[in-house]
């Protein structure tokens, strides 16, 4: 496809080079599936902490801990942000952190 004036090239070649078509690449499907597959390969002797906005990861290990963000209440209190969860996960001294 030949791009017109002011229009970027689109099609298979430009998609292959950039890795995405439009929007944010993090919104594309398959991230959770990939992380679940990678988690299945982690040895059972390791401690894993997952940090998520919504529980989606399924870590099949005996020593796995899941942390989840929380929205503020109607009074505006009780919010738990992802940044805070990452700090708490580091205090748990895990072998791996997934998110």
N, C-alpha and C. Protein backbone atom coordinates (compact mmCIF):
# COMPACT_ATOMS: atom_id res chain seq x y z
N UNK A 1 0.83 -1.17 0.00
CA UNK A 1 0.00 0.00 0.00
C UNK A 1 0.88 1.24 0.00
N UNK A 2 0.58 2.19 -0.82
CA UNK A 2 1.34 3.43 -0.92
C UNK A 2 0.65 4.47 -0.04
N UNK A 3 1.39 5.07 0.90
CA UNK A 3 0.76 6.06 1.77
C UNK A 3 0.43 7.34 1.01
N UNK A 4 -0.69 7.92 1.35
CA UNK A 4 -1.07 9.19 0.74
C UNK A 4 -0.43 10.33 1.52
N UNK A 5 -0.59 11.53 1.04
CA UNK A 5 0.04 12.69 1.67
C UNK A 5 -0.47 12.84 3.10
N UNK A 6 0.44 12.84 4.05
CA UNK A 6 0.09 13.05 5.44
C UNK A 6 -0.41 11.80 6.15
N UNK A 7 -0.54 10.69 5.48
CA UNK A 7 -1.05 9.47 6.09
C UNK A 7 0.11 8.48 6.25
N UNK A 8 0.26 7.86 7.41
CA UNK A 8 1.32 6.87 7.58
C UNK A 8 0.98 5.58 6.85
N UNK A 9 2.00 4.81 6.55
CA UNK A 9 1.80 3.53 5.89
C UNK A 9 1.12 2.56 6.84
N UNK A 10 0.16 1.81 6.36
CA UNK A 10 -0.50 0.79 7.16
C UNK A 10 -0.47 -0.51 6.39
N UNK A 11 -0.75 -1.57 7.07
CA UNK A 11 -0.76 -2.87 6.43
C UNK A 11 0.17 -3.82 7.14
N UNK A 12 0.37 -5.00 6.57
CA UNK A 12 1.17 -6.01 7.25
C UNK A 12 2.60 -5.58 7.55
N UNK A 13 3.23 -4.85 6.63
CA UNK A 13 4.64 -4.51 6.86
C UNK A 13 4.79 -3.50 7.99
N UNK A 14 3.95 -2.49 8.07
CA UNK A 14 4.08 -1.51 9.15
C UNK A 14 3.65 -2.10 10.48
N UNK A 15 2.67 -2.99 10.48
CA UNK A 15 2.25 -3.64 11.71
C UNK A 15 3.35 -4.54 12.24
N UNK A 16 4.03 -5.25 11.35
CA UNK A 16 5.11 -6.14 11.76
C UNK A 16 6.28 -5.36 12.33
N UNK A 17 6.54 -4.18 11.80
CA UNK A 17 7.67 -3.38 12.27
C UNK A 17 7.38 -2.75 13.63
N UNK A 18 6.19 -2.24 13.84
CA UNK A 18 5.88 -1.55 15.08
C UNK A 18 5.38 -2.48 16.16
N UNK A 19 4.82 -3.63 15.80
CA UNK A 19 4.31 -4.57 16.77
C UNK A 19 2.90 -4.26 17.22
N UNK A 20 2.30 -3.21 16.71
CA UNK A 20 0.94 -2.87 17.08
C UNK A 20 0.29 -2.07 15.96
N UNK A 21 -1.00 -2.01 15.98
CA UNK A 21 -1.72 -1.25 14.95
C UNK A 21 -2.11 0.12 15.49
N UNK A 22 -3.03 0.17 16.41
CA UNK A 22 -3.43 1.44 16.99
C UNK A 22 -3.58 1.27 18.48
N UNK A 23 -3.57 2.37 19.21
CA UNK A 23 -3.76 2.31 20.65
C UNK A 23 -2.52 1.83 21.37
N UNK A 24 -2.73 1.48 22.59
CA UNK A 24 -1.66 1.06 23.47
C UNK A 24 -1.37 -0.42 23.29
N UNK A 25 -0.11 -0.79 23.18
CA UNK A 25 0.26 -2.20 22.99
C UNK A 25 -0.07 -3.04 24.21
N UNK A 26 -0.16 -2.43 25.41
CA UNK A 26 -0.47 -3.18 26.63
C UNK A 26 -1.93 -3.59 26.68
N UNK A 27 -2.77 -3.09 25.82
CA UNK A 27 -4.18 -3.47 25.81
C UNK A 27 -4.44 -4.69 24.95
N UNK A 28 -3.44 -5.21 24.31
CA UNK A 28 -3.62 -6.34 23.42
C UNK A 28 -3.81 -7.63 24.21
N UNK A 29 -4.52 -8.59 23.66
CA UNK A 29 -4.78 -9.84 24.37
C UNK A 29 -3.55 -10.73 24.43
N UNK A 30 -3.54 -11.62 25.41
CA UNK A 30 -2.50 -12.62 25.50
C UNK A 30 -1.50 -12.43 26.63
N UNK A 31 -1.51 -11.27 27.30
CA UNK A 31 -0.53 -11.04 28.36
C UNK A 31 -0.76 -11.98 29.54
N UNK A 32 -1.99 -12.13 29.97
CA UNK A 32 -2.30 -13.00 31.10
C UNK A 32 -2.00 -14.45 30.76
N UNK A 33 -2.34 -14.87 29.56
CA UNK A 33 -2.05 -16.23 29.14
C UNK A 33 -0.56 -16.49 29.14
N UNK A 34 0.21 -15.55 28.65
CA UNK A 34 1.66 -15.69 28.62
C UNK A 34 2.22 -15.78 30.04
N UNK A 35 1.78 -14.90 30.94
CA UNK A 35 2.28 -14.93 32.31
C UNK A 35 1.88 -16.22 33.03
N UNK A 36 0.68 -16.73 32.77
CA UNK A 36 0.26 -18.00 33.37
C UNK A 36 1.14 -19.14 32.88
N UNK A 37 1.49 -19.14 31.62
CA UNK A 37 2.39 -20.18 31.07
C UNK A 37 3.77 -20.07 31.69
N UNK A 38 4.27 -18.85 31.83
CA UNK A 38 5.59 -18.67 32.45
C UNK A 38 5.56 -19.07 33.92
N UNK A 39 4.46 -18.79 34.62
CA UNK A 39 4.34 -19.15 36.02
C UNK A 39 4.36 -20.67 36.21
N UNK A 40 3.84 -21.39 35.24
CA UNK A 40 3.83 -22.85 35.33
C UNK A 40 5.25 -23.43 35.27
N UNK A 41 6.19 -22.67 34.75
CA UNK A 41 7.57 -23.13 34.62
C UNK A 41 8.43 -22.76 35.84
N UNK A 42 7.88 -22.05 36.80
CA UNK A 42 8.64 -21.65 37.99
C UNK A 42 8.76 -22.84 38.93
N UNK A 43 9.95 -23.12 39.44
CA UNK A 43 10.12 -24.24 40.37
C UNK A 43 9.29 -24.06 41.64
N UNK A 44 8.84 -25.16 42.21
CA UNK A 44 7.98 -25.13 43.40
C UNK A 44 8.71 -24.60 44.63
N UNK A 45 10.02 -24.55 44.60
CA UNK A 45 10.78 -24.09 45.75
C UNK A 45 10.84 -22.56 45.86
N UNK A 46 10.35 -21.85 44.87
CA UNK A 46 10.45 -20.38 44.87
C UNK A 46 9.19 -19.73 45.42
N UNK A 47 9.38 -18.59 46.05
CA UNK A 47 8.26 -17.81 46.58
C UNK A 47 7.89 -16.76 45.53
N UNK A 48 6.62 -16.71 45.17
CA UNK A 48 6.14 -15.80 44.13
C UNK A 48 5.06 -14.90 44.71
N UNK A 49 5.16 -13.61 44.42
CA UNK A 49 4.13 -12.65 44.82
C UNK A 49 3.58 -12.03 43.54
N UNK A 50 2.26 -12.07 43.38
CA UNK A 50 1.63 -11.43 42.23
C UNK A 50 0.99 -10.13 42.70
N UNK A 51 1.12 -9.09 41.89
CA UNK A 51 0.56 -7.77 42.18
C UNK A 51 -0.33 -7.40 41.00
N UNK A 52 -1.63 -7.27 41.25
CA UNK A 52 -2.58 -7.07 40.16
C UNK A 52 -3.68 -6.09 40.55
N UNK A 53 -4.30 -5.52 39.53
CA UNK A 53 -5.50 -4.71 39.75
C UNK A 53 -6.71 -5.62 39.90
N UNK A 54 -6.75 -6.68 39.11
CA UNK A 54 -7.81 -7.69 39.17
C UNK A 54 -7.11 -9.04 39.19
N UNK A 55 -7.53 -9.94 40.09
CA UNK A 55 -6.89 -11.26 40.15
C UNK A 55 -7.14 -12.01 38.85
N UNK A 56 -6.09 -12.17 38.06
CA UNK A 56 -6.17 -12.92 36.80
C UNK A 56 -5.13 -14.02 36.72
N UNK A 57 -3.99 -13.83 37.38
CA UNK A 57 -2.92 -14.81 37.30
C UNK A 57 -3.22 -16.00 38.21
N UNK A 58 -2.91 -17.17 37.71
CA UNK A 58 -3.12 -18.40 38.46
C UNK A 58 -1.77 -19.08 38.59
N UNK A 59 -1.14 -18.88 39.74
CA UNK A 59 0.19 -19.43 39.97
C UNK A 59 0.04 -20.75 40.72
N UNK A 60 0.38 -21.87 40.08
CA UNK A 60 0.19 -23.18 40.70
C UNK A 60 1.36 -23.57 41.61
N UNK A 61 1.64 -22.75 42.62
CA UNK A 61 2.75 -23.02 43.52
C UNK A 61 2.26 -23.00 44.96
N UNK A 62 2.90 -23.77 45.84
CA UNK A 62 2.47 -23.79 47.24
C UNK A 62 2.79 -22.49 47.97
N UNK A 63 3.81 -21.77 47.55
CA UNK A 63 4.22 -20.54 48.23
C UNK A 63 4.00 -19.33 47.32
N UNK A 64 2.75 -19.12 46.92
CA UNK A 64 2.39 -17.98 46.07
C UNK A 64 1.41 -17.09 46.83
N UNK A 65 1.65 -15.78 46.75
CA UNK A 65 0.81 -14.80 47.42
C UNK A 65 0.29 -13.83 46.37
N UNK A 66 -0.99 -13.52 46.42
CA UNK A 66 -1.57 -12.56 45.49
C UNK A 66 -1.98 -11.28 46.20
N UNK A 67 -1.58 -10.14 45.67
CA UNK A 67 -1.96 -8.84 46.21
C UNK A 67 -2.78 -8.12 45.15
N UNK A 68 -3.84 -7.44 45.61
CA UNK A 68 -4.75 -6.78 44.67
C UNK A 68 -5.02 -5.35 45.11
N UNK A 69 -5.09 -4.44 44.13
CA UNK A 69 -5.40 -3.04 44.43
C UNK A 69 -6.84 -2.92 44.90
N UNK A 70 -7.15 -1.78 45.50
CA UNK A 70 -8.51 -1.53 45.97
C UNK A 70 -8.88 -0.08 45.70
N UNK A 71 -10.08 0.13 45.23
CA UNK A 71 -10.59 1.48 44.98
C UNK A 71 -10.96 2.15 46.31
N UNK A 72 -10.96 3.48 46.35
CA UNK A 72 -11.36 4.15 47.59
C UNK A 72 -12.85 3.93 47.88
N UNK A 73 -13.19 3.98 49.16
CA UNK A 73 -14.59 3.84 49.56
C UNK A 73 -15.35 5.11 49.22
N UNK A 74 -16.61 5.13 49.53
CA UNK A 74 -17.43 6.33 49.27
C UNK A 74 -16.94 7.54 50.04
N UNK A 75 -16.31 7.30 51.19
CA UNK A 75 -15.75 8.40 51.98
C UNK A 75 -14.40 8.85 51.45
N UNK A 76 -13.85 8.13 50.47
CA UNK A 76 -12.56 8.49 49.89
C UNK A 76 -11.37 7.88 50.61
N UNK A 77 -11.61 6.91 51.49
CA UNK A 77 -10.51 6.28 52.22
C UNK A 77 -10.39 4.82 51.81
N UNK A 78 -9.28 4.21 52.19
CA UNK A 78 -9.10 2.79 51.97
C UNK A 78 -8.52 2.40 50.63
N UNK A 79 -8.10 3.36 49.82
CA UNK A 79 -7.53 3.04 48.52
C UNK A 79 -6.16 2.39 48.69
N UNK A 80 -5.92 1.34 47.92
CA UNK A 80 -4.62 0.69 47.89
C UNK A 80 -4.14 0.72 46.45
N UNK A 81 -3.07 1.48 46.21
CA UNK A 81 -2.55 1.65 44.86
C UNK A 81 -1.50 0.58 44.54
N UNK A 82 -1.29 0.39 43.25
CA UNK A 82 -0.34 -0.60 42.76
C UNK A 82 1.07 -0.33 43.28
N UNK A 83 1.44 0.91 43.35
CA UNK A 83 2.77 1.30 43.83
C UNK A 83 3.00 0.81 45.25
N UNK A 84 2.00 0.96 46.10
CA UNK A 84 2.10 0.51 47.49
C UNK A 84 2.22 -1.01 47.56
N UNK A 85 1.47 -1.71 46.70
CA UNK A 85 1.53 -3.17 46.70
C UNK A 85 2.90 -3.68 46.28
N UNK A 86 3.54 -2.99 45.34
CA UNK A 86 4.88 -3.39 44.91
C UNK A 86 5.85 -3.24 46.08
N UNK A 87 5.75 -2.15 46.84
CA UNK A 87 6.61 -1.97 48.01
C UNK A 87 6.39 -3.07 49.03
N UNK A 88 5.12 -3.41 49.27
CA UNK A 88 4.80 -4.48 50.22
C UNK A 88 5.31 -5.82 49.72
N UNK A 89 5.22 -6.05 48.42
CA UNK A 89 5.72 -7.30 47.84
C UNK A 89 7.23 -7.43 48.05
N UNK A 90 7.96 -6.34 47.91
CA UNK A 90 9.41 -6.37 48.11
C UNK A 90 9.76 -6.69 49.56
N UNK A 91 8.92 -6.27 50.50
CA UNK A 91 9.16 -6.58 51.91
C UNK A 91 8.98 -8.06 52.22
N UNK A 92 8.23 -8.76 51.40
CA UNK A 92 7.99 -10.19 51.59
C UNK A 92 9.18 -11.04 51.12
N UNK A 93 10.17 -10.41 50.53
CA UNK A 93 11.39 -11.07 50.03
C UNK A 93 11.09 -12.26 49.13
N UNK A 94 10.32 -12.02 48.05
CA UNK A 94 9.99 -13.12 47.15
C UNK A 94 11.14 -13.46 46.21
N UNK A 95 11.07 -14.64 45.64
CA UNK A 95 12.01 -15.01 44.59
C UNK A 95 11.67 -14.28 43.31
N UNK A 96 10.35 -14.11 43.09
CA UNK A 96 9.86 -13.43 41.88
C UNK A 96 8.63 -12.61 42.21
N UNK A 97 8.48 -11.49 41.50
CA UNK A 97 7.26 -10.68 41.57
C UNK A 97 6.67 -10.65 40.18
N UNK A 98 5.38 -10.97 40.09
CA UNK A 98 4.69 -10.95 38.79
C UNK A 98 3.55 -9.94 38.88
N UNK A 99 3.28 -9.27 37.77
CA UNK A 99 2.19 -8.32 37.79
C UNK A 99 1.69 -7.99 36.43
